């Protein structure tokens, strides 16, 4: 009889812990929904944005944000925190705060590499042993350029007359404390009317099918090449269609975020 009572008490305690965790998870999800903008909030007479974010759990470590600058320029960042769930969501909340604060600085908001340097400094102060990849960029329609810094993030795909991969130019954010020096410099590439730009987190290319094959960067690039003359919305929808077919019958293992930008003046 006593053992049955103890079992009932244990079951009750476990149920209360599960309920508490669910409430905390719901609270974190509500916060994350508020800090990640909806695609409809993107306002530009020059650029079109496609955005899709699918957390592995209710909350995740993928994060994007954008900000309108002077002279119709656009600042955008995509970050991918290590880990999953609430811990990763806390890091993305910190990235959001740092990014928003950095946008108040006229010099930092114009230079993605300086933004990365600011993030590195602030993360090191607040969250030691925390690492994440990030891709920050500034779109400048006056100069017809895309200025970027890639901190350990998967290569972005630039679609112009041909396909160009924008590879990492910096280590993961958070590694500065382990390195003697880092050369923070922007990289500038042409981005003219009709060009497109696709950026994503590694949950897309690292996804596996039932045969344990990776979706892969090569597969993604081929899909983009096949549809490169189509509008950015169509290209991204084709990517996700192929991704869903590829991963059919498998469980999600990571957050997935896909952003596409088209210069259509």
Protein backbone atom coordinates (compact mmCIF):
# COMPACT_ATOMS: atom_id res chain seq x y z
CA UNK A 1 0.00 0.00 0.00
CA UNK A 2 2.80 2.41 0.93
CA UNK A 3 4.61 1.68 -2.34
CA UNK A 4 1.43 2.42 -4.30
CA UNK A 5 1.08 5.76 -2.52
CA UNK A 6 4.72 6.61 -3.27
CA UNK A 7 4.15 5.68 -6.92
CA UNK A 8 1.10 7.92 -7.10
CA UNK A 9 3.06 10.77 -5.51
CA UNK A 10 5.91 10.26 -7.97
CA UNK A 11 3.48 10.30 -10.89
CA UNK A 12 1.91 13.49 -9.57
CA UNK A 13 5.31 15.17 -9.14
CA UNK A 14 6.34 14.11 -12.65
CA UNK A 15 3.08 15.47 -14.11
CA UNK A 16 3.61 18.78 -12.31
CA UNK A 17 7.18 19.03 -13.68
CA UNK A 18 5.95 18.30 -17.22
CA UNK A 19 3.22 20.91 -16.84
CA UNK A 20 5.74 23.48 -15.56
CA UNK A 21 8.12 22.74 -18.44
CA UNK A 22 5.29 23.08 -20.97
CA UNK A 23 4.37 26.47 -19.50
CA UNK A 24 8.00 27.63 -19.68
CA UNK A 25 8.26 26.36 -23.26
CA UNK A 26 5.07 28.19 -24.22
CA UNK A 27 6.36 31.37 -22.61
CA UNK A 28 9.65 31.08 -24.54
CA UNK A 29 7.72 30.44 -27.76
CA UNK A 30 5.63 33.58 -27.26
CA UNK A 31 8.76 35.66 -26.72
CA UNK A 32 10.46 34.22 -29.80
CA UNK A 33 7.42 34.91 -31.96
CA UNK A 34 7.62 38.55 -30.91
CA UNK A 35 11.34 39.02 -31.61
CA UNK A 36 11.34 37.39 -35.06
CA UNK A 37 9.63 39.64 -37.63
CA UNK A 38 6.99 38.49 -40.08
CA UNK A 39 7.84 38.74 -43.80
CA UNK A 40 4.96 41.21 -44.17
CA UNK A 41 6.91 43.65 -41.96
CA UNK A 42 9.64 43.92 -44.61
CA UNK A 43 9.03 47.22 -46.42
CA UNK A 44 11.06 48.21 -49.47
CA UNK A 45 10.40 49.71 -52.90
CA UNK A 46 13.48 47.94 -54.25
CA UNK A 47 13.76 44.49 -52.68
CA UNK A 48 11.40 41.55 -52.14
CA UNK A 49 11.85 39.17 -49.20
CA UNK A 50 10.85 35.54 -48.82
CA UNK A 51 11.18 34.09 -45.32
CA UNK A 52 10.48 30.70 -43.74
CA UNK A 53 11.52 29.60 -40.26
CA UNK A 54 10.65 26.18 -38.84
CA UNK A 55 11.92 25.43 -35.30
CA UNK A 56 12.93 21.87 -34.46
CA UNK A 57 10.88 22.17 -31.28
CA UNK A 58 8.44 24.88 -30.22
CA UNK A 59 11.41 27.24 -29.94
CA UNK A 60 14.80 27.11 -31.60
CA UNK A 61 18.16 28.68 -32.26
CA UNK A 62 17.53 30.08 -35.73
CA UNK A 63 16.90 33.81 -35.86
CA UNK A 64 16.61 36.55 -38.46
CA UNK A 65 15.88 40.25 -38.38
CA UNK A 66 16.04 43.24 -40.70
CA UNK A 67 16.20 46.99 -40.40
CA UNK A 68 15.57 49.85 -42.83
CA UNK A 69 18.50 52.24 -43.14
CA UNK A 70 18.86 55.62 -44.82
CA UNK A 71 18.78 55.94 -48.63
CA UNK A 72 16.62 52.81 -49.01
CA UNK A 73 19.37 50.54 -47.70
CA UNK A 74 18.42 47.37 -45.85
CA UNK A 75 20.32 45.67 -43.02
CA UNK A 76 19.60 41.97 -42.48
CA UNK A 77 21.01 39.27 -40.22
CA UNK A 78 20.51 35.52 -39.99
CA UNK A 79 21.98 33.66 -37.00
CA UNK A 80 22.05 30.04 -35.90
CA UNK A 81 22.82 29.32 -32.25
CA UNK A 82 24.33 26.01 -31.20
CA UNK A 83 21.90 23.58 -29.58
CA UNK A 84 18.13 23.46 -29.59
CA UNK A 85 15.15 24.43 -27.48
CA UNK A 86 15.07 26.99 -24.69
CA UNK A 87 18.86 27.35 -24.32
CA UNK A 88 19.26 28.22 -28.01
CA UNK A 89 16.23 30.51 -27.87
CA UNK A 90 17.88 32.48 -25.05
CA UNK A 91 20.93 33.06 -27.27
CA UNK A 92 18.75 34.29 -30.14
CA UNK A 93 17.07 36.72 -27.74
CA UNK A 94 20.51 38.09 -26.86
CA UNK A 95 21.38 38.39 -30.57
CA UNK A 96 18.16 40.31 -31.12
CA UNK A 97 19.03 42.79 -28.37
CA UNK A 98 22.58 43.29 -29.63
CA UNK A 99 21.40 43.73 -33.23
CA UNK A 100 18.68 46.23 -32.28
CA UNK A 101 21.09 48.22 -30.14
CA UNK A 102 23.75 48.18 -32.89
CA UNK A 103 21.27 49.62 -35.38
CA UNK A 104 21.31 52.84 -33.34
CA UNK A 105 24.99 53.34 -34.22
CA UNK A 106 25.32 55.02 -37.64
CA UNK A 107 28.72 53.46 -38.35
CA UNK A 108 28.05 49.91 -37.10
CA UNK A 109 24.74 49.52 -38.92
CA UNK A 110 26.41 50.29 -42.26
CA UNK A 111 29.17 47.71 -41.81
CA UNK A 112 28.30 44.02 -41.22
CA UNK A 113 31.82 43.18 -40.02
CA UNK A 114 31.59 45.87 -37.33
CA UNK A 115 28.24 44.40 -36.30
CA UNK A 116 29.92 41.00 -35.92
CA UNK A 117 32.68 42.59 -33.85
CA UNK A 118 30.08 44.25 -31.61
CA UNK A 119 28.27 40.93 -31.18
CA UNK A 120 31.53 39.17 -30.37
CA UNK A 121 32.33 41.73 -27.69
CA UNK A 122 28.89 41.70 -26.08
CA UNK A 123 28.43 37.93 -26.19
CA UNK A 124 31.85 37.41 -24.62
CA UNK A 125 30.85 39.70 -21.74
CA UNK A 126 27.42 38.20 -21.12
CA UNK A 127 27.53 34.56 -22.24
CA UNK A 128 30.93 32.91 -22.09
CA UNK A 129 31.43 29.65 -24.05
CA UNK A 130 28.57 30.59 -26.33
CA UNK A 131 28.97 30.20 -30.09
CA UNK A 132 26.77 30.82 -33.11
CA UNK A 133 27.08 31.34 -36.82
CA UNK A 134 25.77 34.52 -38.38
CA UNK A 135 25.48 36.16 -41.77
CA UNK A 136 24.97 39.93 -41.76
CA UNK A 137 24.53 42.10 -44.83
CA UNK A 138 23.64 45.57 -46.05
CA UNK A 139 21.80 46.00 -49.35
CA UNK A 140 22.62 49.30 -51.06
CA UNK A 141 20.43 50.11 -54.09
CA UNK A 142 22.28 53.39 -54.73
CA UNK A 143 25.58 51.59 -55.26
CA UNK A 144 24.00 48.34 -56.54
CA UNK A 145 25.97 46.34 -53.99
CA UNK A 146 25.58 43.76 -51.26
CA UNK A 147 28.00 44.23 -48.38
CA UNK A 148 28.36 41.26 -46.03
CA UNK A 149 30.24 39.40 -43.32
CA UNK A 150 29.86 35.66 -42.88
CA UNK A 151 30.83 34.35 -39.43
CA UNK A 152 31.06 30.57 -39.80
CA UNK A 153 27.69 30.36 -41.54
CA UNK A 154 26.87 28.14 -44.54
CA UNK A 155 27.75 29.81 -47.84
CA UNK A 156 24.96 32.02 -49.16
CA UNK A 157 23.93 31.76 -52.81
CA UNK A 158 24.11 34.87 -55.00
CA UNK A 159 22.15 34.56 -58.24
CA UNK A 160 23.19 37.01 -60.95
CA UNK A 161 24.34 36.12 -64.44
CA UNK A 162 25.74 33.00 -62.75
CA UNK A 163 25.78 31.35 -59.32
CA UNK A 164 28.26 32.63 -56.72
CA UNK A 165 28.76 31.24 -53.23
CA UNK A 166 29.46 33.77 -50.46
CA UNK A 167 31.66 31.72 -48.17
CA UNK A 168 32.58 32.36 -44.51
CA UNK A 169 34.91 35.32 -43.98
CA UNK A 170 35.05 35.10 -40.17
CA UNK A 171 34.98 32.35 -37.52
CA UNK A 172 31.90 31.59 -35.45
CA UNK A 173 30.82 34.40 -33.15
CA UNK A 174 32.19 33.56 -29.71
CA UNK A 175 35.53 32.16 -30.88
CA UNK A 176 37.40 35.47 -30.59
CA UNK A 177 38.33 34.66 -26.99
CA UNK A 178 40.16 31.56 -28.28
CA UNK A 179 41.98 33.31 -31.12
CA UNK A 180 44.84 35.80 -31.09
CA UNK A 181 43.37 38.11 -33.73
CA UNK A 182 40.50 38.34 -36.21
CA UNK A 183 40.48 40.54 -39.31
CA UNK A 184 37.07 42.20 -39.37
CA UNK A 185 36.41 43.45 -42.91
CA UNK A 186 33.30 43.78 -45.03
CA UNK A 187 33.13 42.01 -48.37
CA UNK A 188 31.29 43.87 -51.13
CA UNK A 189 29.81 42.23 -54.23
CA UNK A 190 27.65 43.63 -57.05
CA UNK A 191 23.90 43.25 -56.53
CA UNK A 192 21.94 44.80 -59.37
CA UNK A 193 18.35 44.85 -60.56
CA UNK A 194 17.20 41.29 -61.24
CA UNK A 195 19.75 39.64 -58.94
CA UNK A 196 18.68 37.28 -56.16
CA UNK A 197 20.20 36.16 -52.89
CA UNK A 198 19.47 33.03 -50.86
CA UNK A 199 20.63 32.40 -47.31
CA UNK A 200 19.74 29.57 -44.95
CA UNK A 201 20.78 27.71 -41.82
CA UNK A 202 22.55 24.36 -41.78
CA UNK A 203 19.35 22.56 -40.80
CA UNK A 204 18.42 22.74 -44.49
CA UNK A 205 21.53 21.24 -46.08
CA UNK A 206 22.31 18.84 -43.21
CA UNK A 207 18.85 17.24 -43.31
CA UNK A 208 18.90 13.51 -44.07
CA UNK A 209 16.60 11.17 -45.97
CA UNK A 210 15.67 7.61 -45.02
CA UNK A 211 18.99 6.42 -46.52
CA UNK A 212 20.96 8.81 -44.28
CA UNK A 213 22.01 10.91 -47.29
CA UNK A 214 22.40 14.67 -46.78
CA UNK A 215 20.24 17.14 -48.62
CA UNK A 216 23.62 18.88 -49.18
CA UNK A 217 24.88 22.17 -50.55
CA UNK A 218 25.35 20.58 -53.97
CA UNK A 219 21.71 19.51 -54.19
CA UNK A 220 20.53 22.93 -53.06
CA UNK A 221 22.74 24.70 -55.62
CA UNK A 222 21.39 22.51 -58.43
CA UNK A 223 17.81 23.38 -57.47
CA UNK A 224 18.66 27.08 -57.52
CA UNK A 225 20.38 26.76 -60.92
CA UNK A 226 17.37 24.96 -62.36
CA UNK A 227 15.00 27.75 -61.32
CA UNK A 228 17.33 30.77 -61.28
CA UNK A 229 15.31 32.74 -63.87
CA UNK A 230 12.15 32.55 -61.75
CA UNK A 231 11.08 35.03 -59.04
CA UNK A 232 12.65 34.54 -55.62
CA UNK A 233 9.37 33.28 -54.11
CA UNK A 234 9.23 30.50 -56.70
CA UNK A 235 12.86 29.53 -56.17
CA UNK A 236 12.41 29.26 -52.41
CA UNK A 237 9.16 27.33 -52.76
CA UNK A 238 10.89 24.88 -55.11
CA UNK A 239 13.70 24.45 -52.58
CA UNK A 240 11.22 23.65 -49.82
CA UNK A 241 9.23 21.31 -52.08
CA UNK A 242 12.40 19.32 -52.85
CA UNK A 243 13.42 19.44 -49.18
CA UNK A 244 10.06 18.04 -48.05
CA UNK A 245 10.19 15.25 -50.65
CA UNK A 246 13.76 14.43 -49.67
CA UNK A 247 13.04 14.22 -45.93
CA UNK A 248 9.69 12.44 -46.23
CA UNK A 249 9.46 9.63 -43.70
CA UNK A 250 12.09 11.12 -41.38
CA UNK A 251 11.92 13.18 -38.18
CA UNK A 252 13.13 16.77 -38.04
CA UNK A 253 16.58 16.98 -36.41
CA UNK A 254 17.27 20.72 -36.52
CA UNK A 255 15.72 24.14 -36.99
CA UNK A 256 15.40 25.26 -40.61
CA UNK A 257 15.39 28.85 -41.86
CA UNK A 258 15.37 29.96 -45.48
CA UNK A 259 15.53 33.60 -46.63
CA UNK A 260 15.44 34.87 -50.19
CA UNK A 261 15.90 38.43 -51.47
CA UNK A 262 15.32 39.76 -54.97
CA UNK A 263 16.35 43.15 -56.34
CA UNK A 264 13.30 44.21 -58.38
CA UNK A 265 13.27 47.97 -58.77
